[in-house]
N, C-alpha and C. Protein backbone atom coordinates (compact mmCIF):
# COMPACT_ATOMS: atom_id res chain seq x y z
N MET A 1 50.65 9.46 31.37
CA MET A 1 50.86 10.90 31.39
C MET A 1 50.73 11.39 32.84
N PRO A 2 51.61 12.31 33.26
CA PRO A 2 51.55 12.81 34.64
C PRO A 2 50.35 13.71 34.88
N GLN A 3 49.97 13.81 36.16
CA GLN A 3 48.88 14.71 36.55
C GLN A 3 49.37 16.14 36.36
N LEU A 4 48.81 16.86 35.41
CA LEU A 4 49.30 18.20 35.06
C LEU A 4 48.85 19.29 36.02
N LEU A 5 47.78 19.07 36.77
CA LEU A 5 47.22 20.13 37.59
C LEU A 5 47.63 20.08 39.05
N SER A 6 48.44 19.10 39.42
CA SER A 6 48.89 18.94 40.81
C SER A 6 50.27 19.54 41.02
N TRP A 7 50.52 19.94 42.26
CA TRP A 7 51.81 20.43 42.67
C TRP A 7 52.88 19.38 42.42
N LYS A 8 54.07 19.84 41.97
CA LYS A 8 55.24 18.98 41.82
C LYS A 8 56.45 19.76 42.34
N VAL A 9 57.47 19.08 42.78
CA VAL A 9 58.70 19.75 43.22
C VAL A 9 59.21 20.60 42.07
N GLY A 10 59.46 21.86 42.36
CA GLY A 10 59.93 22.79 41.34
C GLY A 10 58.83 23.47 40.55
N LEU A 11 57.61 22.96 40.62
CA LEU A 11 56.44 23.57 39.97
C LEU A 11 55.35 23.72 41.03
N PRO A 12 55.47 24.75 41.87
CA PRO A 12 54.57 24.88 43.03
C PRO A 12 53.21 25.50 42.71
N TYR A 13 52.49 24.87 41.79
CA TYR A 13 51.18 25.36 41.39
C TYR A 13 50.20 24.20 41.42
N HIS A 14 48.97 24.51 41.83
CA HIS A 14 47.97 23.46 41.95
C HIS A 14 46.61 24.04 41.54
N PHE A 15 45.82 23.23 40.85
CA PHE A 15 44.48 23.65 40.44
C PHE A 15 43.47 22.62 40.93
N SER A 16 42.36 23.10 41.46
CA SER A 16 41.30 22.19 41.88
C SER A 16 39.94 22.82 41.61
N VAL A 17 38.92 21.98 41.68
CA VAL A 17 37.54 22.46 41.60
C VAL A 17 36.92 22.31 42.99
N GLY A 18 35.98 23.17 43.29
CA GLY A 18 35.28 23.10 44.56
C GLY A 18 33.78 23.11 44.34
N ALA A 19 33.06 22.56 45.32
CA ALA A 19 31.60 22.53 45.24
C ALA A 19 31.03 23.15 46.50
N VAL A 20 30.10 24.07 46.31
CA VAL A 20 29.33 24.62 47.41
C VAL A 20 27.94 24.01 47.28
N VAL A 21 27.68 22.99 48.10
CA VAL A 21 26.43 22.24 48.02
C VAL A 21 25.43 22.84 49.00
N THR A 22 24.26 23.24 48.48
CA THR A 22 23.21 23.81 49.32
C THR A 22 22.04 22.84 49.41
N ASN A 23 21.31 22.93 50.52
CA ASN A 23 20.09 22.13 50.67
C ASN A 23 18.87 23.05 50.56
N ASN A 24 17.69 22.52 50.78
CA ASN A 24 16.45 23.30 50.65
C ASN A 24 16.31 24.38 51.72
N MET A 25 17.10 24.29 52.80
CA MET A 25 17.04 25.29 53.86
C MET A 25 18.12 26.37 53.69
N GLY A 26 18.87 26.32 52.60
CA GLY A 26 19.90 27.32 52.34
C GLY A 26 21.18 27.08 53.12
N GLU A 27 21.35 25.88 53.64
CA GLU A 27 22.59 25.54 54.35
C GLU A 27 23.61 24.96 53.37
N ILE A 28 24.87 24.95 53.80
CA ILE A 28 25.97 24.47 52.98
C ILE A 28 26.61 23.25 53.64
N LEU A 29 26.90 22.24 52.84
CA LEU A 29 27.53 21.02 53.33
C LEU A 29 29.04 21.17 53.33
N VAL A 30 29.67 20.85 54.47
CA VAL A 30 31.13 20.98 54.59
C VAL A 30 31.74 19.80 55.32
N HIS A 31 33.06 19.66 55.09
CA HIS A 31 33.87 18.77 55.92
C HIS A 31 34.14 19.50 57.24
N ARG A 32 34.15 18.75 58.34
CA ARG A 32 34.56 19.31 59.63
C ARG A 32 35.54 18.34 60.27
N TRP A 33 36.69 18.85 60.63
CA TRP A 33 37.69 18.05 61.34
C TRP A 33 37.92 18.64 62.72
N MET A 34 38.09 17.76 63.68
CA MET A 34 38.43 18.15 65.05
C MET A 34 39.70 17.40 65.44
N ASN A 35 40.66 18.09 66.00
CA ASN A 35 41.88 17.46 66.53
C ASN A 35 42.63 16.63 65.50
N ASN A 36 42.72 17.10 64.27
CA ASN A 36 43.46 16.39 63.24
C ASN A 36 44.86 17.00 63.14
N PRO A 37 45.91 16.19 63.29
CA PRO A 37 47.27 16.72 63.23
C PRO A 37 47.58 17.45 61.92
N HIS A 38 46.93 17.04 60.83
CA HIS A 38 47.14 17.71 59.54
C HIS A 38 46.79 19.20 59.63
N PHE A 39 45.86 19.54 60.53
CA PHE A 39 45.43 20.92 60.72
C PHE A 39 45.81 21.44 62.11
N GLN A 40 46.96 21.01 62.61
CA GLN A 40 47.48 21.45 63.90
C GLN A 40 46.47 21.24 65.03
N ASN A 41 45.67 20.19 64.93
CA ASN A 41 44.67 19.82 65.93
C ASN A 41 43.61 20.90 66.17
N LYS A 42 43.39 21.74 65.18
CA LYS A 42 42.35 22.79 65.26
C LYS A 42 41.06 22.28 64.62
N GLU A 43 39.96 22.91 64.99
CA GLU A 43 38.68 22.62 64.34
C GLU A 43 38.69 23.32 62.97
N ILE A 44 38.42 22.56 61.91
CA ILE A 44 38.52 23.08 60.55
C ILE A 44 37.27 22.73 59.75
N PHE A 45 36.81 23.68 58.93
CA PHE A 45 35.66 23.50 58.05
C PHE A 45 36.11 23.79 56.62
N ILE A 46 35.87 22.84 55.69
CA ILE A 46 36.31 23.02 54.31
C ILE A 46 35.23 22.51 53.36
N LEU A 47 35.04 23.24 52.26
CA LEU A 47 34.15 22.80 51.20
C LEU A 47 34.78 21.63 50.45
N MET A 48 34.01 20.94 49.64
CA MET A 48 34.55 19.87 48.80
C MET A 48 35.48 20.50 47.78
N ARG A 49 36.70 19.94 47.69
CA ARG A 49 37.67 20.38 46.68
C ARG A 49 38.34 19.14 46.10
N GLU A 50 38.53 19.14 44.80
CA GLU A 50 39.07 17.96 44.12
C GLU A 50 39.95 18.40 42.96
N THR A 51 41.05 17.71 42.75
CA THR A 51 41.91 17.97 41.61
C THR A 51 41.41 17.16 40.42
N PRO A 52 41.15 17.81 39.28
CA PRO A 52 40.73 17.05 38.10
C PRO A 52 41.80 16.06 37.67
N GLU A 53 41.34 14.89 37.26
CA GLU A 53 42.25 13.86 36.76
C GLU A 53 42.52 14.09 35.28
N GLU A 54 43.49 13.36 34.75
CA GLU A 54 43.86 13.48 33.35
C GLU A 54 42.63 13.30 32.45
N ASN A 55 42.45 14.22 31.51
CA ASN A 55 41.35 14.20 30.53
C ASN A 55 39.96 14.30 31.16
N GLU A 56 39.86 14.80 32.38
CA GLU A 56 38.57 14.94 33.06
C GLU A 56 38.14 16.41 33.02
N GLY A 57 36.91 16.66 32.63
CA GLY A 57 36.40 18.02 32.61
C GLY A 57 36.11 18.52 34.03
N LEU A 58 35.94 19.83 34.16
CA LEU A 58 35.71 20.43 35.48
C LEU A 58 34.43 19.91 36.12
N GLU A 59 33.35 19.86 35.36
CA GLU A 59 32.09 19.38 35.93
C GLU A 59 32.17 17.90 36.30
N GLU A 60 32.89 17.12 35.51
CA GLU A 60 33.09 15.70 35.85
C GLU A 60 33.86 15.58 37.17
N ALA A 61 34.88 16.42 37.34
CA ALA A 61 35.68 16.39 38.57
C ALA A 61 34.83 16.77 39.78
N VAL A 62 33.91 17.73 39.60
CA VAL A 62 33.01 18.10 40.69
C VAL A 62 32.13 16.91 41.08
N ARG A 63 31.55 16.27 40.09
CA ARG A 63 30.67 15.12 40.37
C ARG A 63 31.43 13.98 41.05
N ARG A 64 32.64 13.70 40.57
CA ARG A 64 33.46 12.65 41.19
C ARG A 64 33.82 13.02 42.62
N GLY A 65 34.22 14.28 42.82
CA GLY A 65 34.57 14.74 44.16
C GLY A 65 33.41 14.64 45.14
N LEU A 66 32.22 15.00 44.68
CA LEU A 66 31.04 14.91 45.55
C LEU A 66 30.76 13.46 45.94
N ALA A 67 30.91 12.55 45.00
CA ALA A 67 30.68 11.13 45.30
C ALA A 67 31.75 10.60 46.26
N GLU A 68 33.01 10.91 45.99
CA GLU A 68 34.10 10.38 46.81
C GLU A 68 34.14 11.00 48.20
N GLU A 69 34.05 12.32 48.26
CA GLU A 69 34.24 13.02 49.54
C GLU A 69 32.98 13.12 50.38
N PHE A 70 31.82 13.31 49.74
CA PHE A 70 30.57 13.52 50.46
C PHE A 70 29.60 12.36 50.35
N GLY A 71 29.81 11.47 49.39
CA GLY A 71 28.88 10.36 49.20
C GLY A 71 27.54 10.79 48.64
N ILE A 72 27.53 11.84 47.82
CA ILE A 72 26.28 12.35 47.26
C ILE A 72 26.43 12.63 45.77
N SER A 73 25.30 12.86 45.13
CA SER A 73 25.27 13.47 43.81
C SER A 73 24.52 14.78 43.99
N ALA A 74 24.75 15.71 43.10
CA ALA A 74 24.09 17.01 43.20
C ALA A 74 23.97 17.61 41.81
N THR A 75 23.07 18.54 41.68
CA THR A 75 22.90 19.28 40.43
C THR A 75 23.83 20.48 40.45
N ILE A 76 24.67 20.60 39.43
CA ILE A 76 25.53 21.78 39.32
C ILE A 76 24.68 22.91 38.77
N VAL A 77 24.59 23.99 39.53
CA VAL A 77 23.71 25.10 39.20
C VAL A 77 24.45 26.19 38.42
N ASP A 78 25.67 26.54 38.88
CA ASP A 78 26.38 27.65 38.26
C ASP A 78 27.83 27.68 38.69
N TYR A 79 28.65 28.34 37.90
CA TYR A 79 30.03 28.67 38.26
C TYR A 79 29.96 29.92 39.12
N ILE A 80 30.66 29.94 40.26
CA ILE A 80 30.54 31.09 41.17
C ILE A 80 31.87 31.76 41.51
N GLY A 81 32.92 31.45 40.78
CA GLY A 81 34.17 32.17 40.97
C GLY A 81 35.31 31.27 41.42
N SER A 82 36.47 31.90 41.60
CA SER A 82 37.69 31.19 41.97
C SER A 82 38.41 31.92 43.09
N ILE A 83 39.21 31.16 43.80
CA ILE A 83 40.10 31.73 44.83
C ILE A 83 41.51 31.22 44.53
N THR A 84 42.47 32.13 44.54
CA THR A 84 43.88 31.74 44.47
C THR A 84 44.47 32.00 45.84
N ALA A 85 45.09 30.96 46.40
CA ALA A 85 45.61 31.03 47.76
C ALA A 85 46.99 30.37 47.79
N GLU A 86 47.64 30.47 48.95
CA GLU A 86 48.93 29.83 49.13
C GLU A 86 48.92 28.97 50.37
N PHE A 87 49.71 27.91 50.33
CA PHE A 87 49.92 27.08 51.51
C PHE A 87 51.32 26.51 51.44
N LYS A 88 51.83 26.10 52.58
CA LYS A 88 53.13 25.43 52.62
C LYS A 88 52.93 23.94 52.52
N HIS A 89 53.64 23.32 51.60
CA HIS A 89 53.54 21.87 51.43
C HIS A 89 54.06 21.19 52.68
N GLY A 90 53.29 20.24 53.20
CA GLY A 90 53.61 19.59 54.46
C GLY A 90 54.94 18.86 54.49
N GLN A 91 55.37 18.29 53.37
CA GLN A 91 56.60 17.51 53.35
C GLN A 91 57.82 18.34 53.00
N THR A 92 57.68 19.29 52.07
CA THR A 92 58.85 20.04 51.61
C THR A 92 58.93 21.45 52.20
N GLY A 93 57.81 21.97 52.70
CA GLY A 93 57.78 23.34 53.19
C GLY A 93 57.72 24.36 52.07
N GLU A 94 57.71 23.89 50.81
CA GLU A 94 57.64 24.78 49.67
C GLU A 94 56.28 25.48 49.63
N LYS A 95 56.30 26.77 49.29
CA LYS A 95 55.06 27.52 49.14
C LYS A 95 54.40 27.11 47.83
N VAL A 96 53.11 26.76 47.91
CA VAL A 96 52.36 26.30 46.74
C VAL A 96 51.22 27.29 46.47
N GLU A 97 51.11 27.72 45.21
CA GLU A 97 50.00 28.57 44.79
C GLU A 97 48.88 27.65 44.30
N LYS A 98 47.71 27.79 44.89
CA LYS A 98 46.57 26.93 44.55
C LYS A 98 45.39 27.77 44.10
N THR A 99 44.86 27.44 42.94
CA THR A 99 43.65 28.08 42.44
C THR A 99 42.53 27.05 42.49
N THR A 100 41.43 27.43 43.14
CA THR A 100 40.26 26.56 43.21
C THR A 100 39.10 27.29 42.54
N THR A 101 38.48 26.63 41.58
CA THR A 101 37.32 27.15 40.86
C THR A 101 36.08 26.47 41.43
N TYR A 102 35.13 27.29 41.90
CA TYR A 102 33.97 26.77 42.64
C TYR A 102 32.69 26.76 41.81
N PHE A 103 31.87 25.75 42.09
CA PHE A 103 30.56 25.61 41.46
C PHE A 103 29.50 25.51 42.54
N LEU A 104 28.38 26.21 42.33
CA LEU A 104 27.23 26.11 43.21
C LEU A 104 26.44 24.87 42.81
N CYS A 105 26.13 24.04 43.81
CA CYS A 105 25.42 22.78 43.57
C CYS A 105 24.22 22.69 44.50
N LYS A 106 23.22 21.96 44.08
CA LYS A 106 21.99 21.80 44.86
C LYS A 106 21.77 20.33 45.16
N ASN A 107 21.53 20.04 46.44
CA ASN A 107 21.19 18.69 46.87
C ASN A 107 20.25 18.82 48.06
N PRO A 108 19.00 18.41 47.92
CA PRO A 108 18.03 18.60 48.99
C PRO A 108 18.08 17.59 50.12
N VAL A 109 18.97 16.59 50.06
CA VAL A 109 19.00 15.57 51.11
C VAL A 109 19.55 16.11 52.42
N GLU A 110 19.21 15.44 53.50
CA GLU A 110 19.69 15.87 54.82
C GLU A 110 21.18 15.63 55.00
N LEU A 111 21.59 14.39 55.03
CA LEU A 111 23.02 14.07 55.15
C LEU A 111 23.36 12.91 54.22
N PRO A 112 24.56 12.93 53.68
CA PRO A 112 24.99 11.88 52.75
C PRO A 112 25.15 10.52 53.42
N LYS A 113 25.20 9.51 52.59
CA LYS A 113 25.40 8.14 53.07
C LYS A 113 26.56 7.52 52.31
N GLY A 114 27.58 7.07 53.01
CA GLY A 114 28.68 6.33 52.40
C GLY A 114 29.55 7.13 51.45
N ARG A 115 30.83 7.16 51.72
CA ARG A 115 31.78 7.85 50.85
C ARG A 115 32.72 6.83 50.24
N SER A 116 33.12 7.09 48.98
CA SER A 116 33.93 6.12 48.27
C SER A 116 35.38 6.53 48.12
N GLY A 117 35.75 7.71 48.58
CA GLY A 117 37.11 8.19 48.40
C GLY A 117 38.09 7.61 49.40
N GLU A 118 39.31 8.09 49.32
CA GLU A 118 40.38 7.67 50.22
C GLU A 118 41.01 8.91 50.82
N GLY A 119 41.80 8.71 51.86
CA GLY A 119 42.60 9.79 52.40
C GLY A 119 41.88 10.66 53.40
N LEU A 120 42.44 11.83 53.59
CA LEU A 120 41.99 12.77 54.60
C LEU A 120 40.51 13.12 54.48
N GLU A 121 40.02 13.28 53.25
CA GLU A 121 38.66 13.75 53.04
C GLU A 121 37.60 12.83 53.64
N VAL A 122 37.85 11.53 53.69
CA VAL A 122 36.83 10.62 54.21
C VAL A 122 36.92 10.44 55.73
N THR A 123 37.84 11.17 56.37
CA THR A 123 37.95 11.10 57.84
C THR A 123 37.19 12.23 58.52
N SER A 124 36.58 13.10 57.76
CA SER A 124 35.86 14.23 58.33
C SER A 124 34.45 13.84 58.75
N THR A 125 33.85 14.72 59.54
CA THR A 125 32.42 14.68 59.80
C THR A 125 31.79 15.60 58.76
N LEU A 126 30.64 15.24 58.23
CA LEU A 126 29.96 16.11 57.27
C LEU A 126 28.80 16.81 57.97
N GLU A 127 28.72 18.12 57.77
CA GLU A 127 27.71 18.92 58.47
C GLU A 127 27.15 19.99 57.54
N TRP A 128 25.91 20.38 57.81
CA TRP A 128 25.25 21.50 57.13
C TRP A 128 25.39 22.73 58.02
N HIS A 129 25.75 23.89 57.42
CA HIS A 129 25.91 25.15 58.17
C HIS A 129 25.33 26.31 57.38
N GLU A 130 24.94 27.34 58.12
CA GLU A 130 24.47 28.59 57.50
C GLU A 130 25.65 29.27 56.80
N PRO A 131 25.45 29.82 55.59
CA PRO A 131 26.56 30.39 54.82
C PRO A 131 27.34 31.50 55.55
N LYS A 132 26.65 32.45 56.16
CA LYS A 132 27.37 33.55 56.81
C LYS A 132 28.14 33.08 58.04
N ASP A 133 27.58 32.14 58.81
CA ASP A 133 28.29 31.59 59.95
C ASP A 133 29.54 30.86 59.48
N LEU A 134 29.38 30.09 58.43
CA LEU A 134 30.50 29.33 57.88
C LEU A 134 31.58 30.26 57.33
N ALA A 135 31.18 31.37 56.73
CA ALA A 135 32.16 32.34 56.21
C ALA A 135 33.03 32.89 57.33
N GLY A 136 32.42 33.19 58.47
CA GLY A 136 33.19 33.68 59.62
C GLY A 136 34.16 32.64 60.14
N LEU A 137 33.71 31.40 60.24
CA LEU A 137 34.58 30.30 60.68
C LEU A 137 35.74 30.11 59.71
N SER A 138 35.44 30.17 58.42
CA SER A 138 36.45 29.96 57.39
C SER A 138 37.53 31.05 57.44
N GLU A 139 37.10 32.29 57.57
CA GLU A 139 38.06 33.39 57.63
C GLU A 139 38.96 33.25 58.85
N ARG A 140 38.38 32.93 60.01
CA ARG A 140 39.17 32.79 61.24
C ARG A 140 40.18 31.65 61.15
N GLN A 141 39.76 30.51 60.57
CA GLN A 141 40.70 29.39 60.51
C GLN A 141 41.87 29.71 59.57
N GLY A 142 41.63 30.44 58.51
CA GLY A 142 42.71 30.86 57.62
C GLY A 142 43.72 31.72 58.35
N LEU A 143 43.21 32.64 59.17
CA LEU A 143 44.09 33.52 59.96
C LEU A 143 44.81 32.74 61.06
N ASP A 144 44.05 31.90 61.79
CA ASP A 144 44.64 31.13 62.90
C ASP A 144 45.78 30.23 62.45
N LEU A 145 45.64 29.62 61.28
CA LEU A 145 46.66 28.68 60.79
C LEU A 145 47.57 29.31 59.74
N ASN A 146 47.41 30.63 59.55
CA ASN A 146 48.25 31.36 58.59
C ASN A 146 48.28 30.65 57.23
N SER A 147 47.09 30.27 56.75
CA SER A 147 46.97 29.57 55.48
C SER A 147 45.76 30.11 54.72
N SER A 148 46.03 30.90 53.69
CA SER A 148 44.92 31.47 52.92
C SER A 148 44.12 30.37 52.21
N ASP A 149 44.73 29.19 52.04
CA ASP A 149 44.03 28.07 51.42
C ASP A 149 42.85 27.59 52.26
N LEU A 150 42.87 27.86 53.56
CA LEU A 150 41.78 27.44 54.44
C LEU A 150 40.68 28.49 54.58
N ASP A 151 40.87 29.65 53.93
CA ASP A 151 39.87 30.72 53.99
C ASP A 151 39.04 30.75 52.71
N GLU A 152 37.84 30.19 52.78
CA GLU A 152 36.93 30.18 51.64
C GLU A 152 35.79 31.17 51.84
N SER A 153 36.00 32.15 52.74
CA SER A 153 34.93 33.08 53.10
C SER A 153 34.42 33.89 51.91
N LYS A 154 35.28 34.25 50.98
CA LYS A 154 34.86 35.04 49.82
C LYS A 154 33.79 34.29 49.02
N ILE A 155 33.99 33.01 48.78
CA ILE A 155 33.02 32.20 48.04
C ILE A 155 31.76 31.99 48.88
N LEU A 156 31.93 31.75 50.16
CA LEU A 156 30.78 31.52 51.04
C LEU A 156 29.88 32.75 51.14
N LEU A 157 30.48 33.93 51.22
CA LEU A 157 29.68 35.17 51.26
C LEU A 157 28.99 35.41 49.92
N ARG A 158 29.65 35.05 48.84
CA ARG A 158 29.03 35.17 47.51
C ARG A 158 27.78 34.28 47.43
N VAL A 159 27.90 33.06 47.95
CA VAL A 159 26.76 32.14 47.95
C VAL A 159 25.65 32.67 48.85
N ALA A 160 26.01 33.20 50.01
CA ALA A 160 25.01 33.80 50.91
C ALA A 160 24.21 34.87 50.18
N SER A 161 24.90 35.71 49.43
CA SER A 161 24.23 36.78 48.68
C SER A 161 23.32 36.19 47.59
N ILE A 162 23.79 35.17 46.89
CA ILE A 162 22.97 34.52 45.85
C ILE A 162 21.70 33.93 46.47
N LEU A 163 21.86 33.25 47.59
CA LEU A 163 20.70 32.62 48.25
C LEU A 163 19.72 33.66 48.78
N GLU A 164 20.23 34.78 49.31
CA GLU A 164 19.35 35.85 49.79
C GLU A 164 18.52 36.45 48.67
N LYS A 165 19.12 36.61 47.49
CA LYS A 165 18.41 37.18 46.35
C LYS A 165 17.29 36.26 45.86
N LYS A 166 17.48 34.94 46.05
CA LYS A 166 16.48 33.97 45.60
C LYS A 166 15.27 33.95 46.54
N ASN A 167 15.45 34.40 47.78
CA ASN A 167 14.34 34.35 48.77
C ASN A 167 13.58 35.64 48.83
């Protein structure tokens, strides 16, 4: 059976799950790329995002994505909303509508060890950042590269607010 949630020629829609992983200091774990041609050689920060596989639940996809992309496990705390964005497909130039549903996750470790995934995600550096600082970076990169898919500031600010209320 084909992957139903991925973009296909003529069906420019994509669905993924995202994880906002926090540590005990209230920081968020992200991918960071520097000088990657995929991102026009710009510095880019992105949360974990994964497309669910056939017959895989959303929470299962989050756990798999965390293991593959970040090399960690984490406790899923809550659903924290979705972002619908657009990007141009690199090979066809077709505009793709992408919806990412995010989950707040908790992992108290400093930095992950060993990633099992393939592709672009395992070429990043993994870093912890303050939520509000990261939100500003995320908004700017979306504007700089004219790609709303790279702007996760809405979710990051929501997490910042959640973490502030807990303290």
